[in-house]
Amino acid sequence: MPLAMTTKHHLWLKRGTQELLKKDIPTALFCDSNAAIDVAYNPKLNDRSKHIDIANHFIREQIKQGNVSVMYVPSE
């Protein structure tokens, strides 16, 4: 769920900077949860992922369209 909110805010900022400054900002989001990244990139459903919220499908759409990419960064 936090990844979905981050994606929404990122897209809002990206559109704002493109409109005001005519510049593009990077599309990489950093996450410290391998599980969240796996759910975002893997569209296959199984017994453990049937409870996935609609917000995570939004992230998958944005990744598929090339608007964002999610990279792992340790939280140390």
PDB file of N, CA and C in Angstrom:
ATOM      1  N   MET A   1       0.801  -1.196   0.000  1.00  0.00           N
ATOM      2  CA  MET A   1       0.000   0.000   0.000  1.00  0.00           C
ATOM      3  C   MET A   1       0.853   1.272   0.000  1.00  0.00           C
ATOM      4  N   PRO A   2       1.926   1.352   0.781  1.00  0.00           N
ATOM      5  CA  PRO A   2       2.766   2.551   0.713  1.00  0.00           C
ATOM      6  C   PRO A   2       3.377   2.755  -0.675  1.00  0.00           C
ATOM      7  N   LEU A   3       3.658   1.669  -1.364  1.00  0.00           N
ATOM      8  CA  LEU A   3       4.227   1.774  -2.705  1.00  0.00           C
ATOM      9  C   LEU A   3       3.218   2.394  -3.668  1.00  0.00           C
ATOM     10  N   ALA A   4       1.948   2.088  -3.486  1.00  0.00           N
ATOM     11  CA  ALA A   4       0.901   2.672  -4.334  1.00  0.00           C
ATOM     12  C   ALA A   4       0.790   4.174  -4.099  1.00  0.00           C
ATOM     13  N   MET A   5       0.840   4.609  -2.842  1.00  0.00           N
ATOM     14  CA  MET A   5       0.774   6.037  -2.542  1.00  0.00           C
ATOM     15  C   MET A   5       2.000   6.758  -3.099  1.00  0.00           C
ATOM     16  N   THR A   6       3.164   6.139  -2.978  1.00  0.00           N
ATOM     17  CA  THR A   6       4.383   6.734  -3.517  1.00  0.00           C
ATOM     18  C   THR A   6       4.287   6.878  -5.026  1.00  0.00           C
ATOM     19  N   THR A   7       3.737   5.878  -5.688  1.00  0.00           N
ATOM     20  CA  THR A   7       3.574   5.922  -7.141  1.00  0.00           C
ATOM     21  C   THR A   7       2.644   7.065  -7.538  1.00  0.00           C
ATOM     22  N   LYS A   8       1.535   7.230  -6.816  1.00  0.00           N
ATOM     23  CA  LYS A   8       0.604   8.319  -7.116  1.00  0.00           C
ATOM     24  C   LYS A   8       1.283   9.674  -6.958  1.00  0.00           C
ATOM     25  N   HIS A   9       2.007   9.859  -5.864  1.00  0.00           N
ATOM     26  CA  HIS A   9       2.691  11.133  -5.630  1.00  0.00           C
ATOM     27  C   HIS A   9       3.777  11.381  -6.681  1.00  0.00           C
ATOM     28  N   HIS A  10       4.476  10.327  -7.044  1.00  0.00           N
ATOM     29  CA  HIS A  10       5.531  10.450  -8.053  1.00  0.00           C
ATOM     30  C   HIS A  10       4.944  10.899  -9.392  1.00  0.00           C
ATOM     31  N   LEU A  11       3.851  10.285  -9.803  1.00  0.00           N
ATOM     32  CA  LEU A  11       3.237  10.653 -11.073  1.00  0.00           C
ATOM     33  C   LEU A  11       2.717  12.088 -11.033  1.00  0.00           C
ATOM     34  N   TRP A  12       2.189  12.512  -9.884  1.00  0.00           N
ATOM     35  CA  TRP A  12       1.715  13.884  -9.734  1.00  0.00           C
ATOM     36  C   TRP A  12       2.879  14.863  -9.882  1.00  0.00           C
ATOM     37  N   LEU A  13       3.988  14.583  -9.204  1.00  0.00           N
ATOM     38  CA  LEU A  13       5.165  15.445  -9.301  1.00  0.00           C
ATOM     39  C   LEU A  13       5.747  15.449 -10.712  1.00  0.00           C
ATOM     40  N   LYS A  14       5.754  14.289 -11.331  1.00  0.00           N
ATOM     41  CA  LYS A  14       6.296  14.181 -12.686  1.00  0.00           C
ATOM     42  C   LYS A  14       5.486  15.029 -13.660  1.00  0.00           C
ATOM     43  N   ARG A  15       4.180  14.954 -13.569  1.00  0.00           N
ATOM     44  CA  ARG A  15       3.329  15.747 -14.458  1.00  0.00           C
ATOM     45  C   ARG A  15       3.501  17.243 -14.189  1.00  0.00           C
ATOM     46  N   GLY A  16       3.613  17.596 -12.904  1.00  0.00           N
ATOM     47  CA  GLY A  16       3.794  19.001 -12.552  1.00  0.00           C
ATOM     48  C   GLY A  16       5.100  19.569 -13.075  1.00  0.00           C
ATOM     49  N   THR A  17       6.187  18.818 -12.943  1.00  0.00           N
ATOM     50  CA  THR A  17       7.480  19.323 -13.429  1.00  0.00           C
ATOM     51  C   THR A  17       7.517  19.366 -14.950  1.00  0.00           C
ATOM     52  N   GLN A  18       6.876  18.421 -15.586  1.00  0.00           N
ATOM     53  CA  GLN A  18       6.827  18.456 -17.048  1.00  0.00           C
ATOM     54  C   GLN A  18       6.041  19.666 -17.539  1.00  0.00           C
ATOM     55  N   GLU A  19       4.966  19.997 -16.833  1.00  0.00           N
ATOM     56  CA  GLU A  19       4.141  21.119 -17.251  1.00  0.00           C
ATOM     57  C   GLU A  19       4.816  22.460 -16.961  1.00  0.00           C
ATOM     58  N   LEU A  20       5.423  22.589 -15.779  1.00  0.00           N
ATOM     59  CA  LEU A  20       6.020  23.869 -15.390  1.00  0.00           C
ATOM     60  C   LEU A  20       7.413  24.079 -15.956  1.00  0.00           C
ATOM     61  N   LEU A  21       8.251  23.064 -15.875  1.00  0.00           N
ATOM     62  CA  LEU A  21       9.653  23.227 -16.237  1.00  0.00           C
ATOM     63  C   LEU A  21      10.029  22.627 -17.581  1.00  0.00           C
ATOM     64  N   LYS A  22       9.107  21.899 -18.155  1.00  0.00           N
ATOM     65  CA  LYS A  22       9.365  21.199 -19.417  1.00  0.00           C
ATOM     66  C   LYS A  22      10.549  20.238 -19.284  1.00  0.00           C
ATOM     67  N   LYS A  23      10.717  19.674 -18.071  1.00  0.00           N
ATOM     68  CA  LYS A  23      11.780  18.702 -17.818  1.00  0.00           C
ATOM     69  C   LYS A  23      11.165  17.425 -17.284  1.00  0.00           C
ATOM     70  N   ASP A  24      11.836  16.335 -17.534  1.00  0.00           N
ATOM     71  CA  ASP A  24      11.379  15.030 -17.069  1.00  0.00           C
ATOM     72  C   ASP A  24      12.200  14.613 -15.850  1.00  0.00           C
ATOM     73  N   ILE A  25      11.538  14.049 -14.852  1.00  0.00           N
ATOM     74  CA  ILE A  25      12.266  13.544 -13.693  1.00  0.00           C
ATOM     75  C   ILE A  25      12.407  12.033 -13.820  1.00  0.00           C
ATOM     76  N   PRO A  26      13.399  11.445 -13.162  1.00  0.00           N
ATOM     77  CA  PRO A  26      13.604   9.997 -13.271  1.00  0.00           C
ATOM     78  C   PRO A  26      12.375   9.210 -12.812  1.00  0.00           C
ATOM     79  N   THR A  27      12.231   8.036 -13.377  1.00  0.00           N
ATOM     80  CA  THR A  27      11.042   7.239 -13.087  1.00  0.00           C
ATOM     81  C   THR A  27      11.312   6.100 -12.117  1.00  0.00           C
ATOM     82  N   ALA A  28      12.416   6.141 -11.394  1.00  0.00           N
ATOM     83  CA  ALA A  28      12.750   5.053 -10.479  1.00  0.00           C
ATOM     84  C   ALA A  28      12.213   5.347  -9.086  1.00  0.00           C
ATOM     85  N   LEU A  29      11.546   4.359  -8.504  1.00  0.00           N
ATOM     86  CA  LEU A  29      11.112   4.419  -7.119  1.00  0.00           C
ATOM     87  C   LEU A  29      11.926   3.401  -6.339  1.00  0.00           C
ATOM     88  N   PHE A  30      12.313   3.754  -5.140  1.00  0.00           N
ATOM     89  CA  PHE A  30      13.109   2.854  -4.314  1.00  0.00           C
ATOM     90  C   PHE A  30      12.239   2.262  -3.216  1.00  0.00           C
ATOM     91  N   CYS A  31      12.399   0.967  -2.987  1.00  0.00           N
ATOM     92  CA  CYS A  31      11.600   0.248  -1.997  1.00  0.00           C
ATOM     93  C   CYS A  31      12.508  -0.706  -1.230  1.00  0.00           C
ATOM     94  N   ASP A  32      12.250  -0.889   0.068  1.00  0.00           N
ATOM     95  CA  ASP A  32      13.075  -1.795   0.861  1.00  0.00           C
ATOM     96  C   ASP A  32      12.391  -3.137   1.118  1.00  0.00           C
ATOM     97  N   SER A  33      11.319  -3.419   0.400  1.00  0.00           N
ATOM     98  CA  SER A  33      10.594  -4.666   0.571  1.00  0.00           C
ATOM     99  C   SER A  33      10.639  -5.488  -0.721  1.00  0.00           C
ATOM    100  N   ASN A  34      11.361  -6.587  -0.673  1.00  0.00           N
ATOM    101  CA  ASN A  34      11.416  -7.465  -1.844  1.00  0.00           C
ATOM    102  C   ASN A  34      10.046  -8.041  -2.167  1.00  0.00           C
ATOM    103  N   ALA A  35       9.241  -8.301  -1.143  1.00  0.00           N
ATOM    104  CA  ALA A  35       7.905  -8.851  -1.359  1.00  0.00           C
ATOM    105  C   ALA A  35       7.029  -7.861  -2.127  1.00  0.00           C
ATOM    106  N   ALA A  36       7.085  -6.585  -1.766  1.00  0.00           N
ATOM    107  CA  ALA A  36       6.285  -5.573  -2.465  1.00  0.00           C
ATOM    108  C   ALA A  36       6.730  -5.422  -3.916  1.00  0.00           C
ATOM    109  N   ILE A  37       8.026  -5.492  -4.142  1.00  0.00           N
ATOM    110  CA  ILE A  37       8.547  -5.397  -5.504  1.00  0.00           C
ATOM    111  C   ILE A  37       8.119  -6.604  -6.319  1.00  0.00           C
ATOM    112  N   ASP A  38       8.149  -7.790  -5.721  1.00  0.00           N
ATOM    113  CA  ASP A  38       7.739  -9.004  -6.411  1.00  0.00           C
ATOM    114  C   ASP A  38       6.266  -8.947  -6.795  1.00  0.00           C
ATOM    115  N   VAL A  39       5.430  -8.470  -5.894  1.00  0.00           N
ATOM    116  CA  VAL A  39       4.000  -8.354  -6.186  1.00  0.00           C
ATOM    117  C   VAL A  39       3.773  -7.323  -7.291  1.00  0.00           C
ATOM    118  N   ALA A  40       4.556  -6.253  -7.285  1.00  0.00           N
ATOM    119  CA  ALA A  40       4.388  -5.205  -8.301  1.00  0.00           C
ATOM    120  C   ALA A  40       4.767  -5.689  -9.702  1.00  0.00           C
ATOM    121  N   TYR A  41       5.791  -6.516  -9.796  1.00  0.00           N
ATOM    122  CA  TYR A  41       6.270  -6.964 -11.106  1.00  0.00           C
ATOM    123  C   TYR A  41       5.663  -8.282 -11.579  1.00  0.00           C
ATOM    124  N   ASN A  42       5.158  -9.106 -10.673  1.00  0.00           N
ATOM    125  CA  ASN A  42       4.674 -10.425 -11.038  1.00  0.00           C
ATOM    126  C   ASN A  42       3.146 -10.435 -11.097  1.00  0.00           C
ATOM    127  N   PRO A  43       2.566 -10.481 -12.289  1.00  0.00           N
ATOM    128  CA  PRO A  43       1.106 -10.453 -12.402  1.00  0.00           C
ATOM    129  C   PRO A  43       0.429 -11.790 -12.091  1.00  0.00           C
ATOM    130  N   LYS A  44       1.204 -12.830 -11.887  1.00  0.00           N
ATOM    131  CA  LYS A  44       0.634 -14.156 -11.655  1.00  0.00           C
ATOM    132  C   LYS A  44       0.041 -14.240 -10.249  1.00  0.00           C
ATOM    133  N   LEU A  45      -1.181 -14.715 -10.158  1.00  0.00           N
ATOM    134  CA  LEU A  45      -1.832 -14.886  -8.868  1.00  0.00           C
ATOM    135  C   LEU A  45      -1.670 -16.311  -8.379  1.00  0.00           C
ATOM    136  N   ASN A  46      -1.472 -16.460  -7.092  1.00  0.00           N
ATOM    137  CA  ASN A  46      -1.448 -17.781  -6.479  1.00  0.00           C
ATOM    138  C   ASN A  46      -2.209 -17.712  -5.165  1.00  0.00           C
ATOM    139  N   ASP A  47      -2.168 -18.777  -4.379  1.00  0.00           N
ATOM    140  CA  ASP A  47      -2.927 -18.820  -3.136  1.00  0.00           C
ATOM    141  C   ASP A  47      -2.522 -17.717  -2.158  1.00  0.00           C
ATOM    142  N   ARG A  48      -1.276 -17.319  -2.178  1.00  0.00           N
ATOM    143  CA  ARG A  48      -0.807 -16.313  -1.235  1.00  0.00           C
ATOM    144  C   ARG A  48      -1.076 -14.883  -1.703  1.00  0.00           C
ATOM    145  N   SER A  49      -1.342 -14.693  -2.969  1.00  0.00           N
ATOM    146  CA  SER A  49      -1.502 -13.331  -3.481  1.00  0.00           C
ATOM    147  C   SER A  49      -2.931 -13.009  -3.921  1.00  0.00           C
ATOM    148  N   LYS A  50      -3.892 -13.790  -3.503  1.00  0.00           N
ATOM    149  CA  LYS A  50      -5.276 -13.519  -3.889  1.00  0.00           C
ATOM    150  C   LYS A  50      -5.846 -12.291  -3.181  1.00  0.00           C
ATOM    151  N   HIS A  51      -5.254 -11.899  -2.077  1.00  0.00           N
ATOM    152  CA  HIS A  51      -5.765 -10.783  -1.290  1.00  0.00           C
ATOM    153  C   HIS A  51      -5.224  -9.426  -1.745  1.00  0.00           C
ATOM    154  N   ILE A  52      -4.545  -9.396  -2.861  1.00  0.00           N
ATOM    155  CA  ILE A  52      -3.895  -8.167  -3.316  1.00  0.00           C
ATOM    156  C   ILE A  52      -4.925  -7.067  -3.540  1.00  0.00           C
ATOM    157  N   ASP A  53      -4.611  -5.902  -3.023  1.00  0.00           N
ATOM    158  CA  ASP A  53      -5.490  -4.747  -3.110  1.00  0.00           C
ATOM    159  C   ASP A  53      -5.476  -4.166  -4.521  1.00  0.00           C
ATOM    160  N   ILE A  54      -6.512  -3.432  -4.865  1.00  0.00           N
ATOM    161  CA  ILE A  54      -6.606  -2.803  -6.186  1.00  0.00           C
ATOM    162  C   ILE A  54      -5.469  -1.811  -6.398  1.00  0.00           C
ATOM    163  N   ALA A  55      -4.998  -1.197  -5.328  1.00  0.00           N
ATOM    164  CA  ALA A  55      -3.913  -0.221  -5.442  1.00  0.00           C
ATOM    165  C   ALA A  55      -2.664  -0.852  -6.046  1.00  0.00           C
ATOM    166  N   ASN A  56      -2.413  -2.129  -5.757  1.00  0.00           N
ATOM    167  CA  ASN A  56      -1.247  -2.806  -6.321  1.00  0.00           C
ATOM    168  C   ASN A  56      -1.404  -3.047  -7.815  1.00  0.00           C
ATOM    169  N   HIS A  57      -2.631  -3.202  -8.277  1.00  0.00           N
ATOM    170  CA  HIS A  57      -2.852  -3.327  -9.717  1.00  0.00           C
ATOM    171  C   HIS A  57      -2.526  -2.009 -10.419  1.00  0.00           C
ATOM    172  N   PHE A  58      -2.735  -0.889  -9.740  1.00  0.00           N
ATOM    173  CA  PHE A  58      -2.365   0.417 -10.278  1.00  0.00           C
ATOM    174  C   PHE A  58      -0.854   0.485 -10.498  1.00  0.00           C
ATOM    175  N   ILE A  59      -0.082  -0.025  -9.549  1.00  0.00           N
ATOM    176  CA  ILE A  59       1.373  -0.035  -9.674  1.00  0.00           C
ATOM    177  C   ILE A  59       1.782  -0.884 -10.873  1.00  0.00           C
ATOM    178  N   ARG A  60       1.170  -2.052 -11.007  1.00  0.00           N
ATOM    179  CA  ARG A  60       1.481  -2.932 -12.150  1.00  0.00           C
ATOM    180  C   ARG A  60       1.217  -2.231 -13.474  1.00  0.00           C
ATOM    181  N   GLU A  61       0.096  -1.507 -13.549  1.00  0.00           N
ATOM    182  CA  GLU A  61      -0.228  -0.767 -14.774  1.00  0.00           C
ATOM    183  C   GLU A  61       0.852   0.255 -15.104  1.00  0.00           C
ATOM    184  N   GLN A  62       1.281   0.993 -14.095  1.00  0.00           N
ATOM    185  CA  GLN A  62       2.278   2.037 -14.313  1.00  0.00           C
ATOM    186  C   GLN A  62       3.622   1.446 -14.729  1.00  0.00           C
ATOM    187  N   ILE A  63       3.984   0.307 -14.158  1.00  0.00           N
ATOM    188  CA  ILE A  63       5.218  -0.371 -14.553  1.00  0.00           C
ATOM    189  C   ILE A  63       5.109  -0.848 -15.994  1.00  0.00           C
ATOM    190  N   LYS A  64       3.963  -1.428 -16.328  1.00  0.00           N
ATOM    191  CA  LYS A  64       3.753  -1.945 -17.681  1.00  0.00           C
ATOM    192  C   LYS A  64       3.788  -0.823 -18.724  1.00  0.00           C
ATOM    193  N   GLN A  65       3.264   0.349 -18.367  1.00  0.00           N
ATOM    194  CA  GLN A  65       3.261   1.491 -19.277  1.00  0.00           C
ATOM    195  C   GLN A  65       4.611   2.197 -19.333  1.00  0.00           C
ATOM    196  N   GLY A  66       5.512   1.843 -18.431  1.00  0.00           N
ATOM    197  CA  GLY A  66       6.839   2.448 -18.425  1.00  0.00           C
ATOM    198  C   GLY A  66       6.918   3.770 -17.679  1.00  0.00           C
ATOM    199  N   ASN A  67       5.901   4.094 -16.897  1.00  0.00           N
ATOM    200  CA  ASN A  67       5.901   5.349 -16.156  1.00  0.00           C
ATOM    201  C   ASN A  67       6.798   5.305 -14.923  1.00  0.00           C
ATOM    202  N   VAL A  68       6.939   4.134 -14.306  1.00  0.00           N
ATOM    203  CA  VAL A  68       7.794   3.979 -13.125  1.00  0.00           C
ATOM    204  C   VAL A  68       8.523   2.647 -13.192  1.00  0.00           C
ATOM    205  N   SER A  69       9.610   2.564 -12.450  1.00  0.00           N
ATOM    206  CA  SER A  69      10.282   1.292 -12.211  1.00  0.00           C
ATOM    207  C   SER A  69      10.631   1.262 -10.731  1.00  0.00           C
ATOM    208  N   VAL A  70      10.554   0.102 -10.143  1.00  0.00           N
ATOM    209  CA  VAL A  70      10.784  -0.045  -8.713  1.00  0.00           C
ATOM    210  C   VAL A  70      12.085  -0.814  -8.505  1.00  0.00           C
ATOM    211  N   MET A  71      12.953  -0.237  -7.698  1.00  0.00           N
ATOM    212  CA  MET A  71      14.260  -0.866  -7.435  1.00  0.00           C
ATOM    213  C   MET A  71      14.411  -1.098  -5.935  1.00  0.00           C
ATOM    214  N   TYR A  72      15.124  -2.160  -5.588  1.00  0.00           N
ATOM    215  CA  TYR A  72      15.341  -2.504  -4.198  1.00  0.00           C
ATOM    216  C   TYR A  72      16.517  -1.704  -3.619  1.00  0.00           C
ATOM    217  N   VAL A  73      16.296  -1.155  -2.449  1.00  0.00           N
ATOM    218  CA  VAL A  73      17.340  -0.459  -1.713  1.00  0.00           C
ATOM    219  C   VAL A  73      17.229  -0.926  -0.251  1.00  0.00           C
ATOM    220  N   PRO A  74      18.300  -1.477   0.307  1.00  0.00           N
ATOM    221  CA  PRO A  74      18.211  -1.918   1.706  1.00  0.00           C
ATOM    222  C   PRO A  74      17.960  -0.745   2.653  1.00  0.00           C
ATOM    223  N   SER A  75      17.266  -1.014   3.732  1.00  0.00           N
ATOM    224  CA  SER A  75      16.888   0.053   4.657  1.00  0.00           C
ATOM    225  C   SER A  75      17.897   0.248   5.785  1.00  0.00           C
ATOM    226  N   GLU A  76      19.083  -0.218   5.605  1.00  0.00           N
ATOM    227  CA  GLU A  76      20.099  -0.078   6.643  1.00  0.00           C
ATOM    228  C   GLU A  76      20.608   1.336   6.747  1.00  0.00           C
TER     229      GLU A  76
END
